[in-house]
N, C-alpha and C. Protein backbone atom coordinates (compact mmCIF):
# COMPACT_ATOMS: atom_id res chain seq x y z
N MET A 1 9.73 10.47 -23.54
CA MET A 1 10.39 10.59 -22.11
C MET A 1 9.93 11.98 -21.66
N LEU A 2 8.86 12.03 -20.17
CA LEU A 2 8.05 13.28 -20.30
C LEU A 2 9.19 13.86 -19.78
N SER A 3 9.11 15.64 -19.61
CA SER A 3 10.35 16.87 -18.91
C SER A 3 9.91 16.41 -17.52
N LEU A 4 10.65 17.00 -16.79
CA LEU A 4 10.60 17.00 -14.71
C LEU A 4 9.21 17.55 -14.97
N SER A 5 9.11 18.57 -15.15
CA SER A 5 8.03 19.12 -15.36
C SER A 5 6.60 18.73 -15.93
N GLU A 6 6.15 17.73 -16.60
CA GLU A 6 5.61 16.53 -16.68
C GLU A 6 4.96 16.06 -15.93
N ARG A 7 6.00 15.60 -15.57
CA ARG A 7 6.38 14.02 -14.30
C ARG A 7 5.81 14.45 -13.10
N LEU A 8 6.46 15.59 -13.19
CA LEU A 8 5.89 16.66 -11.40
C LEU A 8 4.53 16.95 -11.40
N GLU A 9 3.70 17.40 -12.51
CA GLU A 9 2.58 16.93 -12.85
C GLU A 9 1.27 15.76 -13.10
N LYS A 10 1.97 15.26 -13.05
CA LYS A 10 2.50 13.30 -13.01
C LYS A 10 1.54 13.15 -11.64
N LEU A 11 2.74 13.26 -11.17
CA LEU A 11 2.79 13.01 -9.61
C LEU A 11 1.62 13.28 -8.75
N GLU A 12 1.55 14.89 -8.94
CA GLU A 12 0.67 15.57 -8.31
C GLU A 12 -0.60 15.32 -8.72
N GLN A 13 -1.15 14.72 -9.68
CA GLN A 13 -2.03 14.54 -10.13
C GLN A 13 -2.90 13.12 -9.44
N ASP A 14 -1.63 12.49 -9.39
CA ASP A 14 -1.91 11.44 -8.55
C ASP A 14 -2.12 11.16 -7.17
N LEU A 15 -1.75 11.91 -6.42
CA LEU A 15 -1.65 12.25 -5.00
C LEU A 15 -2.88 12.28 -4.85
N LEU A 16 -3.36 13.43 -5.79
CA LEU A 16 -4.88 13.63 -5.12
C LEU A 16 -5.79 12.88 -5.36
N ALA A 17 -5.38 12.12 -6.04
CA ALA A 17 -6.53 11.13 -7.15
C ALA A 17 -6.96 10.29 -5.16
N ASP A 18 -7.73 9.63 -5.61
CA ASP A 18 -8.27 9.37 -4.18
C ASP A 18 -9.56 7.76 -4.36
N PRO A 19 -8.61 7.11 -4.42
CA PRO A 19 -7.36 7.28 -3.11
C PRO A 19 -6.53 7.61 -4.42
N PRO A 20 -5.33 7.95 -3.13
CA PRO A 20 -4.36 8.05 -4.65
C PRO A 20 -3.31 7.06 -5.66
N ARG A 21 -2.78 7.47 -6.86
CA ARG A 21 -2.73 6.38 -7.55
C ARG A 21 -1.29 6.30 -7.37
N ILE A 22 -0.43 6.58 -6.76
CA ILE A 22 1.15 6.32 -6.72
C ILE A 22 1.68 4.50 -6.73
N SER A 23 0.50 3.82 -6.62
CA SER A 23 1.31 2.53 -6.39
C SER A 23 -0.16 1.67 -6.75
N ALA A 24 0.07 0.38 -7.10
CA ALA A 24 -0.95 -0.90 -7.41
C ALA A 24 -0.77 -1.52 -6.10
N TYR A 25 -0.91 -1.66 -4.97
CA TYR A 25 -0.52 -2.04 -3.98
C TYR A 25 -1.12 -0.97 -2.67
N HIS A 26 -2.54 -1.51 -2.38
CA HIS A 26 -1.96 -1.17 -1.24
C HIS A 26 -1.36 -0.75 0.35
N ASP A 27 -0.32 -2.08 0.28
CA ASP A 27 0.01 -2.15 0.99
C ASP A 27 1.84 -2.21 1.18
N LEU A 28 1.98 -0.97 -0.01
CA LEU A 28 3.23 -0.27 -0.23
C LEU A 28 3.07 0.94 -1.26
N PRO A 29 2.52 1.77 -0.42
CA PRO A 29 2.37 2.73 -0.23
C PRO A 29 2.88 4.53 -1.16
N PHE A 30 4.16 3.36 -1.90
CA PHE A 30 5.41 4.36 -2.20
C PHE A 30 5.80 4.64 -4.31
N ALA A 31 6.44 5.33 -3.97
CA ALA A 31 6.72 6.41 -5.18
C ALA A 31 8.47 6.47 -5.32
N ILE A 32 8.67 6.58 -6.15
CA ILE A 32 10.16 7.01 -6.07
C ILE A 32 10.08 8.21 -7.37
N PHE A 33 10.41 9.67 -7.45
CA PHE A 33 10.33 10.23 -8.66
C PHE A 33 12.35 11.04 -8.05
N HIS A 34 12.52 10.30 -10.02
CA HIS A 34 13.90 10.17 -10.35
C HIS A 34 14.04 11.90 -10.96
N TYR A 35 15.75 12.57 -10.59
CA TYR A 35 15.37 14.09 -11.21
C TYR A 35 17.01 13.59 -12.02
N PRO A 36 17.97 14.69 -12.60
CA PRO A 36 19.10 14.10 -12.81
C PRO A 36 19.52 15.38 -11.50
N PRO A 37 20.61 14.51 -11.43
CA PRO A 37 21.50 15.14 -9.81
C PRO A 37 21.71 16.32 -10.44
N LYS A 38 21.80 16.86 -11.21
CA LYS A 38 23.01 18.52 -11.06
C LYS A 38 21.33 19.16 -11.04
N ASP A 39 19.91 19.01 -11.34
CA ASP A 39 19.23 19.18 -10.71
C ASP A 39 18.62 19.77 -8.96
N GLU A 40 19.43 19.16 -8.40
CA GLU A 40 19.27 18.98 -7.00
C GLU A 40 18.57 20.11 -6.54
N PHE A 41 19.23 21.69 -6.52
CA PHE A 41 18.95 22.64 -5.99
C PHE A 41 17.82 22.85 -7.63
N ARG A 42 17.49 22.58 -8.31
CA ARG A 42 16.26 23.62 -8.94
C ARG A 42 14.65 22.22 -8.29
N MET A 43 15.42 20.64 -7.63
CA MET A 43 14.17 20.29 -7.82
C MET A 43 13.85 20.10 -6.36
N ARG A 44 15.38 21.50 -5.52
CA ARG A 44 13.73 21.46 -3.55
C ARG A 44 13.21 22.89 -3.83
N LYS A 45 13.80 23.12 -5.23
CA LYS A 45 12.39 24.16 -5.60
C LYS A 45 11.13 23.94 -5.64
N GLN A 46 11.35 22.96 -7.06
CA GLN A 46 9.89 22.43 -7.25
C GLN A 46 9.09 21.61 -6.44
N ILE A 47 10.08 20.99 -4.84
CA ILE A 47 9.75 19.92 -4.00
C ILE A 47 8.65 21.20 -2.76
N LYS A 48 9.44 22.33 -3.07
CA LYS A 48 8.52 23.28 -2.28
C LYS A 48 7.15 23.99 -2.41
N LEU A 49 7.51 24.27 -4.13
CA LEU A 49 5.77 24.70 -4.28
C LEU A 49 4.91 23.35 -4.06
N LEU A 50 5.08 22.12 -5.25
CA LEU A 50 4.31 21.00 -5.14
C LEU A 50 4.09 20.59 -3.52
N VAL A 51 4.80 21.08 -2.79
CA VAL A 51 4.12 20.67 -1.61
C VAL A 51 3.21 21.93 -1.24
N THR A 52 3.18 23.83 -1.77
CA THR A 52 2.09 24.18 -1.25
C THR A 52 0.71 24.00 -2.21
N ARG A 53 1.12 23.79 -2.95
CA ARG A 53 -0.27 23.52 -3.92
C ARG A 53 -0.66 22.57 -3.27
N LEU A 54 0.13 21.19 -2.88
CA LEU A 54 -1.26 20.40 -2.79
C LEU A 54 -1.47 20.56 -1.34
N SER A 55 -0.71 21.55 -0.29
CA SER A 55 -1.06 22.31 0.76
C SER A 55 -2.36 22.81 0.39
N ASN A 56 -2.44 23.72 0.20
CA ASN A 56 -3.31 24.16 -1.00
C ASN A 56 -4.85 23.98 -0.83
N VAL A 57 -4.58 22.41 -1.26
CA VAL A 57 -5.61 21.80 -1.44
C VAL A 57 -6.28 20.85 -0.58
N GLY A 58 -5.33 20.39 1.06
CA GLY A 58 -6.28 20.21 2.01
C GLY A 58 -4.77 18.83 2.50
N LYS A 59 -4.08 18.77 2.23
CA LYS A 59 -3.35 17.68 2.15
C LYS A 59 -2.41 18.33 2.87
N SER A 60 -1.83 16.96 4.04
CA SER A 60 -1.08 17.66 4.90
C SER A 60 0.26 17.08 4.80
N VAL A 61 1.35 17.86 3.99
CA VAL A 61 2.75 16.76 3.17
C VAL A 61 4.17 17.44 4.50
N HIS A 62 4.53 16.30 4.93
CA HIS A 62 5.87 15.79 5.61
C HIS A 62 6.82 15.90 4.93
N VAL A 63 8.08 17.19 4.57
CA VAL A 63 9.48 16.72 4.38
C VAL A 63 10.15 16.32 4.76
N ILE A 64 10.16 15.02 4.58
CA ILE A 64 11.89 14.54 5.74
C ILE A 64 13.05 14.60 5.43
N SER A 65 14.52 15.36 5.53
CA SER A 65 15.59 14.86 5.37
C SER A 65 16.31 13.47 5.23
N LEU A 66 16.83 12.79 4.84
CA LEU A 66 17.29 11.79 5.31
C LEU A 66 18.74 11.76 5.32
N ALA A 67 19.27 13.76 4.96
CA ALA A 67 20.39 13.72 5.13
C ALA A 67 20.12 14.10 6.56
N ARG A 68 19.59 14.79 7.34
CA ARG A 68 19.69 15.25 8.40
C ARG A 68 19.88 13.92 9.56
N ILE A 69 18.25 13.14 9.54
CA ILE A 69 18.64 11.53 10.12
C ILE A 69 20.26 11.35 9.41
N LEU A 70 21.00 11.19 8.89
CA LEU A 70 22.04 10.43 8.72
C LEU A 70 22.47 11.05 9.94
N TRP A 71 23.19 12.65 9.53
CA TRP A 71 23.93 13.04 10.68
C TRP A 71 23.43 13.26 12.12
N GLN A 72 22.14 12.50 12.29
CA GLN A 72 21.57 12.44 13.69
C GLN A 72 22.12 11.38 14.07
N ILE A 73 22.44 10.44 13.10
CA ILE A 73 22.42 8.77 13.47
C ILE A 73 23.84 8.87 13.46
N ILE A 74 24.89 9.40 13.17
CA ILE A 74 26.20 9.74 13.30
C ILE A 74 26.67 10.49 14.56
N GLU A 75 25.76 11.42 14.65
CA GLU A 75 26.53 12.12 15.67
C GLU A 75 26.06 11.56 17.26
N GLU A 76 24.45 10.04 17.52
CA GLU A 76 24.35 9.60 18.60
C GLU A 76 25.28 8.70 19.10
N THR A 77 25.93 7.63 18.07
CA THR A 77 26.71 7.06 18.10
C THR A 77 28.00 7.07 18.07
N GLU A 78 28.46 6.78 17.05
CA GLU A 78 29.50 6.94 17.14
C GLU A 78 30.19 8.48 17.28
N GLY A 79 29.46 9.71 16.86
CA GLY A 79 30.08 11.35 16.53
C GLY A 79 31.18 11.41 15.67
N LEU A 80 30.65 11.82 15.03
CA LEU A 80 31.19 12.74 13.97
C LEU A 80 33.04 12.84 13.77
N SER A 81 33.59 12.88 14.50
CA SER A 81 35.02 13.16 15.01
C SER A 81 35.62 12.00 14.71
N ALA A 82 34.99 10.77 15.04
CA ALA A 82 35.43 8.87 15.21
C ALA A 82 35.14 9.37 14.10
N ILE A 83 34.05 9.53 12.41
CA ILE A 83 34.14 8.83 11.61
C ILE A 83 35.55 9.16 10.50
N VAL A 84 35.64 11.18 10.98
CA VAL A 84 37.16 11.57 10.20
C VAL A 84 38.10 11.01 10.36
N GLN A 85 38.16 10.75 11.79
CA GLN A 85 39.43 10.10 12.18
C GLN A 85 39.81 8.44 10.97
N GLU A 86 38.68 7.69 11.34
CA GLU A 86 38.40 6.51 10.63
C GLU A 86 39.28 7.03 9.49
N GLU A 87 38.90 7.34 8.37
CA GLU A 87 38.35 7.38 7.39
C GLU A 87 40.39 8.47 6.85
N LYS A 88 40.60 8.65 7.39
CA LYS A 88 42.10 9.30 8.06
C LYS A 88 43.29 8.20 7.92
N GLU A 89 42.70 7.54 8.81
CA GLU A 89 43.52 6.17 9.34
C GLU A 89 43.66 5.04 8.04
N LEU A 90 41.97 4.43 8.26
CA LEU A 90 42.04 3.07 6.87
C LEU A 90 41.19 3.00 5.89
N GLY A 91 40.98 5.42 5.40
CA GLY A 91 40.27 5.73 4.30
C GLY A 91 39.00 5.37 3.66
N PHE A 92 38.16 6.15 3.02
CA PHE A 92 36.83 6.34 2.94
C PHE A 92 36.03 4.99 2.74
N LEU A 93 36.41 4.59 2.27
CA LEU A 93 35.67 2.95 1.94
C LEU A 93 35.18 1.64 3.24
N ARG A 94 36.26 2.30 4.11
CA ARG A 94 36.39 1.50 5.28
C ARG A 94 35.60 2.31 6.12
N ALA A 95 35.38 3.80 6.24
CA ALA A 95 34.72 4.76 7.28
C ALA A 95 33.17 4.94 6.14
N GLN A 96 33.29 5.04 5.20
CA GLN A 96 31.55 4.55 4.74
C GLN A 96 30.99 2.89 4.72
N GLU A 97 31.30 1.69 4.86
CA GLU A 97 31.32 0.56 5.71
C GLU A 97 30.96 1.05 7.42
N THR A 98 31.58 1.85 7.96
CA THR A 98 31.12 2.20 9.34
C THR A 98 29.88 2.80 9.36
N VAL A 99 29.75 3.63 8.32
CA VAL A 99 28.30 4.33 8.72
C VAL A 99 26.99 3.74 8.24
N ASN A 100 27.65 2.40 6.58
CA ASN A 100 26.41 2.24 7.07
C ASN A 100 25.62 0.69 8.17
N ILE A 101 27.66 0.11 8.67
CA ILE A 101 26.50 -0.28 9.84
C ILE A 101 26.57 0.31 10.63
N LEU A 102 26.48 1.64 11.29
CA LEU A 102 25.37 2.39 11.86
C LEU A 102 24.18 2.58 11.47
N LEU A 103 23.63 3.02 10.57
CA LEU A 103 22.58 2.71 9.82
C LEU A 103 21.12 1.22 9.38
N SER A 104 22.34 0.30 10.41
CA SER A 104 21.73 -0.61 9.17
C SER A 104 21.56 -2.03 10.59
N ASP A 105 21.98 -1.82 11.46
CA ASP A 105 22.80 -2.64 12.83
C ASP A 105 22.55 -2.53 13.05
N GLU A 106 21.46 -4.18 14.20
CA GLU A 106 20.30 -2.88 15.22
C GLU A 106 21.36 -2.53 17.05
N ASP A 107 22.26 -2.60 16.95
CA ASP A 107 22.93 -2.54 18.25
C ASP A 107 23.59 -0.86 18.00
N PHE A 108 23.21 -0.73 16.93
CA PHE A 108 23.80 1.13 16.67
C PHE A 108 21.85 1.81 16.53
N MET A 109 21.56 2.97 15.64
CA MET A 109 20.00 3.54 15.52
C MET A 109 20.16 3.08 13.80
N PRO A 110 19.47 1.84 13.32
CA PRO A 110 18.92 2.25 12.11
C PRO A 110 17.66 2.88 10.93
N ILE A 111 18.21 3.23 10.86
CA ILE A 111 18.40 4.50 9.66
C ILE A 111 16.17 3.91 9.54
N ALA A 112 15.93 3.41 9.70
CA ALA A 112 14.56 2.68 9.53
C ALA A 112 13.45 2.97 10.56
N ASP A 113 13.76 2.66 11.40
CA ASP A 113 14.13 2.83 12.76
C ASP A 113 13.42 4.06 13.01
N GLU A 114 14.25 5.34 12.50
CA GLU A 114 14.52 6.37 12.93
C GLU A 114 13.64 7.58 12.02
N LEU A 115 13.54 6.42 10.79
CA LEU A 115 12.02 7.51 10.16
C LEU A 115 10.99 7.04 10.53
N SER A 116 10.77 5.54 10.87
CA SER A 116 9.59 5.56 11.26
C SER A 116 9.06 5.69 12.77
N LYS A 117 10.09 6.83 13.15
CA LYS A 117 9.42 7.59 14.49
C LYS A 117 8.80 8.55 13.57
N HIS A 118 9.49 9.17 12.94
CA HIS A 118 8.55 10.33 12.20
C HIS A 118 7.77 10.39 11.46
N LEU A 119 7.18 9.02 10.86
CA LEU A 119 5.73 8.58 10.52
C LEU A 119 4.92 7.71 11.66
N SER A 120 5.00 7.83 12.65
CA SER A 120 4.16 6.87 13.42
C SER A 120 3.30 7.06 13.86
N THR A 121 3.55 8.64 13.61
CA THR A 121 1.51 9.47 14.05
C THR A 121 0.91 10.01 12.97
N LEU A 122 1.69 9.83 11.79
CA LEU A 122 0.99 10.15 10.61
C LEU A 122 0.00 9.42 10.33
N ASN A 123 -1.29 9.69 9.32
CA ASN A 123 -2.73 9.34 9.05
C ASN A 123 -2.20 8.90 8.11
N PRO A 124 -2.49 7.72 7.33
CA PRO A 124 -2.25 7.45 6.13
C PRO A 124 -3.93 8.10 5.06
N LYS A 125 -4.53 8.37 5.67
CA LYS A 125 -5.58 8.86 5.07
C LYS A 125 -5.54 9.76 4.36
N LYS A 126 -4.44 11.30 4.91
CA LYS A 126 -4.78 12.43 4.80
C LYS A 126 -2.42 13.36 4.90
N ASP A 127 -2.14 12.28 5.59
CA ASP A 127 -1.22 12.58 5.68
C ASP A 127 -0.05 12.50 4.02
N ILE A 128 1.08 13.31 3.83
CA ILE A 128 2.14 12.42 3.02
C ILE A 128 3.69 12.68 3.03
N VAL A 129 4.14 11.85 2.73
CA VAL A 129 5.90 12.21 3.28
C VAL A 129 7.05 12.28 1.98
N PHE A 130 7.15 13.37 1.50
CA PHE A 130 8.25 13.64 0.40
C PHE A 130 9.89 13.09 1.72
N LEU A 131 10.48 12.25 0.64
CA LEU A 131 11.46 12.43 1.34
C LEU A 131 12.65 13.33 0.08
N VAL A 132 13.94 13.78 1.02
CA VAL A 132 14.13 14.64 0.23
C VAL A 132 15.97 14.18 1.14
N ARG A 133 16.40 15.20 0.24
CA ARG A 133 18.44 14.44 0.10
C ARG A 133 18.97 13.20 0.25
N VAL A 134 18.32 12.80 -0.83
CA VAL A 134 18.84 11.53 -0.42
C VAL A 134 20.04 10.94 -0.73
N GLY A 135 20.78 12.92 -1.82
CA GLY A 135 21.87 11.98 -1.95
C GLY A 135 22.35 12.03 -1.64
N ALA A 136 22.97 11.80 0.31
CA ALA A 136 23.42 12.09 1.18
C ALA A 136 23.65 10.58 1.69
N LEU A 137 23.05 9.93 1.08
CA LEU A 137 23.10 8.13 1.57
C LEU A 137 24.04 7.82 -0.13
N GLY A 138 24.58 8.04 -0.91
CA GLY A 138 25.83 8.37 -1.51
C GLY A 138 27.19 8.05 -0.62
N PRO A 139 28.46 7.60 -1.62
CA PRO A 139 27.83 6.68 -2.87
C PRO A 139 27.08 5.91 -2.79
N ALA A 140 27.82 4.92 -1.79
CA ALA A 140 27.45 3.25 -1.73
C ALA A 140 27.23 3.63 0.33
N ILE A 141 26.56 4.96 0.37
CA ILE A 141 26.37 3.87 2.47
C ILE A 141 25.31 3.08 2.75
N TYR A 142 24.25 3.67 2.11
CA TYR A 142 22.16 2.80 2.43
C TYR A 142 21.78 2.53 1.09
N ARG A 143 21.49 2.20 0.18
CA ARG A 143 20.40 2.29 -0.79
C ARG A 143 19.34 2.40 -0.23
N SER A 144 18.85 3.35 -0.67
CA SER A 144 16.86 3.97 -0.94
C SER A 144 16.63 2.46 -0.87
N ALA A 145 16.88 2.21 -1.40
CA ALA A 145 15.46 0.44 -1.88
C ALA A 145 15.19 0.11 -0.37
N LYS A 146 16.63 -0.31 -0.22
CA LYS A 146 16.39 -0.98 1.11
C LYS A 146 15.91 -0.56 1.98
N LEU A 147 15.57 0.72 2.63
CA LEU A 147 15.11 1.84 3.40
C LEU A 147 13.37 1.41 2.49
N LEU A 148 13.00 2.01 1.34
CA LEU A 148 11.46 1.25 1.15
C LEU A 148 11.72 0.11 1.26
N ASP A 149 11.91 -1.12 1.11
CA ASP A 149 11.57 -2.90 1.85
C ASP A 149 11.42 -2.56 3.43
N GLU A 150 12.07 -2.10 3.89
CA GLU A 150 12.39 -1.04 5.34
C GLU A 150 10.97 -0.90 5.76
N MET A 151 10.06 -0.02 5.76
CA MET A 151 8.80 0.22 5.30
C MET A 151 8.30 -0.32 5.33
N HIS A 152 7.91 -0.55 4.03
CA HIS A 152 7.43 -1.62 3.98
C HIS A 152 6.78 -3.45 5.01
N LYS A 153 8.33 -3.95 5.66
CA LYS A 153 7.89 -4.86 6.32
C LYS A 153 7.78 -4.08 7.61
N LYS A 154 7.62 -2.50 7.95
CA LYS A 154 6.86 -1.82 9.71
C LYS A 154 5.58 -1.52 8.44
N ARG A 155 4.69 -2.13 7.56
CA ARG A 155 3.29 -1.53 7.26
C ARG A 155 3.53 -0.12 7.19
N ILE A 156 4.48 0.64 6.82
CA ILE A 156 4.22 1.94 7.10
C ILE A 156 3.02 1.26 5.62
N LEU A 157 1.95 2.53 5.69
CA LEU A 157 1.11 3.00 5.01
C LEU A 157 1.07 4.36 4.61
N VAL A 158 1.85 5.02 4.82
CA VAL A 158 1.23 6.80 4.76
C VAL A 158 2.12 7.08 3.90
N PRO A 159 1.46 6.91 2.32
CA PRO A 159 2.21 7.47 1.11
C PRO A 159 3.33 8.52 1.14
N ILE A 160 5.27 7.56 0.27
CA ILE A 160 5.46 8.26 0.82
C ILE A 160 6.49 7.62 -0.89
N ILE A 161 6.88 9.25 -1.24
CA ILE A 161 7.80 9.78 -2.27
C ILE A 161 8.84 9.83 -2.11
N LEU A 162 9.82 9.16 -2.57
CA LEU A 162 11.27 9.31 -1.90
C LEU A 162 11.67 10.20 -3.87
N PHE A 163 12.84 12.08 -3.68
CA PHE A 163 13.01 12.07 -4.11
C PHE A 163 14.46 11.41 -4.55
N TYR A 164 15.05 11.20 -5.81
CA TYR A 164 16.07 10.18 -5.64
C TYR A 164 17.00 11.44 -6.79
N PRO A 165 17.75 11.45 -6.73
CA PRO A 165 18.53 12.01 -8.33
C PRO A 165 19.76 10.98 -8.19
N GLY A 166 18.84 10.75 -9.79
CA GLY A 166 19.67 9.63 -10.37
C GLY A 166 18.94 9.65 -11.41
N THR A 167 19.22 8.94 -12.78
CA THR A 167 18.81 8.09 -14.06
C THR A 167 17.67 6.92 -13.59
N CYS A 168 17.57 6.98 -15.04
CA CYS A 168 16.29 5.48 -14.78
C CYS A 168 16.98 5.02 -16.26
N GLU A 169 16.86 3.84 -16.28
CA GLU A 169 17.71 3.04 -16.76
C GLU A 169 16.12 1.91 -17.46
N GLY A 170 15.51 2.88 -18.66
CA GLY A 170 14.56 0.97 -18.79
C GLY A 170 13.87 1.37 -17.85
N GLU A 171 12.26 1.13 -17.50
CA GLU A 171 11.51 1.35 -16.75
C GLU A 171 11.31 1.09 -15.10
N ARG A 172 12.88 0.18 -14.50
CA ARG A 172 12.68 -0.27 -13.47
C ARG A 172 14.22 0.05 -13.04
N ASN A 173 14.96 0.35 -13.63
CA ASN A 173 15.83 0.10 -13.01
C ASN A 173 17.18 1.97 -12.70
N LEU A 174 16.94 1.98 -11.39
CA LEU A 174 17.55 3.45 -11.44
C LEU A 174 19.33 3.83 -10.66
N ARG A 175 19.70 4.90 -11.66
CA ARG A 175 21.22 4.41 -11.22
C ARG A 175 21.58 6.19 -10.29
N PHE A 176 22.27 5.49 -9.57
CA PHE A 176 22.09 6.38 -7.90
C PHE A 176 23.72 7.62 -8.42
N LEU A 177 22.45 8.97 -8.19
CA LEU A 177 24.05 10.29 -8.61
C LEU A 177 24.30 9.53 -10.22
N ASP A 178 23.55 8.80 -10.70
CA ASP A 178 24.79 9.13 -12.47
C ASP A 178 26.08 8.44 -11.66
N LEU A 179 26.25 7.77 -10.60
CA LEU A 179 27.76 7.23 -10.69
C LEU A 179 27.30 6.05 -11.65
N PRO A 180 29.37 5.79 -11.53
CA PRO A 180 29.43 4.19 -12.50
C PRO A 180 28.99 3.44 -12.22
N THR A 181 28.34 2.57 -12.30
CA THR A 181 27.49 0.66 -11.84
C THR A 181 28.92 0.09 -12.15
N GLN A 182 29.44 -1.12 -11.37
CA GLN A 182 30.80 -2.26 -11.65
C GLN A 182 29.47 -2.14 -12.90
N GLU A 183 30.58 -2.96 -13.51
CA GLU A 183 30.10 -3.68 -14.69
C GLU A 183 29.92 -4.60 -14.60
N ASN A 184 29.07 -4.70 -15.97
CA ASN A 184 27.50 -5.92 -16.05
C ASN A 184 26.16 -5.62 -15.00
N ALA A 185 26.23 -4.54 -13.45
CA ALA A 185 25.94 -5.21 -13.11
C ALA A 185 24.66 -4.32 -13.45
N GLY A 186 24.52 -2.54 -13.71
CA GLY A 186 24.04 -2.25 -14.66
C GLY A 186 23.38 -0.84 -13.15
N GLY A 187 21.82 -0.90 -13.13
CA GLY A 187 21.56 -0.28 -11.67
C GLY A 187 20.36 -1.20 -11.15
N TYR A 188 20.06 -0.45 -10.03
CA TYR A 188 19.10 -1.42 -9.00
C TYR A 188 17.87 -1.59 -9.56
N SER A 189 17.11 -1.88 -10.00
CA SER A 189 15.77 -2.28 -10.07
C SER A 189 14.91 -2.52 -8.64
N TYR A 190 13.90 -1.55 -9.09
CA TYR A 190 12.86 -1.17 -8.35
C TYR A 190 11.10 -1.44 -8.16
N ARG A 191 10.73 -1.68 -7.08
CA ARG A 191 9.38 -2.69 -7.88
C ARG A 191 8.46 -1.46 -6.87
N VAL A 192 8.49 -0.64 -7.13
CA VAL A 192 7.57 0.84 -7.01
C VAL A 192 7.58 1.51 -8.09
N LYS A 193 6.09 2.14 -8.42
CA LYS A 193 5.81 3.14 -9.09
C LYS A 193 7.60 3.97 -9.09
N ILE A 194 7.44 3.81 -10.76
CA ILE A 194 8.64 5.52 -10.57
C ILE A 194 8.43 6.87 -11.22
N TYR A 195 8.41 8.20 -11.13
CA TYR A 195 7.88 8.89 -12.00
C TYR A 195 9.40 9.26 -12.90
């Protein structure tokens, strides 16, 4: 298996290729870069350095925090105090389920719609999106695979790299935040390229 540095170098080469080699499908220009959750702060630094290198050769990289979007949705719908109160009264799992509804249900603010707003003016020929702070969606608030599927359904063609804190098990299975999975369930299998 390649080291973190080697995988970052490969990602950079693939992003600089013309056309980018992050995906085998023109209508699914997404990829996932996984890293050990314990390396979160190291990855933040590496992402900044990668953005600088790509910018120096004319790429326009947009770093979007899913944590920031998550908290915005909570504040603009139920409010943080309501979620905290629900957790106190009904427990963590119920509060997590409520936040999932806020991020999924059309009656609230689906995270895919909010992310799409950020991407609506971007040019697939010159822009690249890095989705970071994905750990905020854990442990089971919202699946990142669902978000990528939603972006595909919305026909988003801007190259997106999702920086995923978790372990790659096999070629296509990822285990989010290295959390134990349900017995015999394994990780989630993705259909995009995994670095």
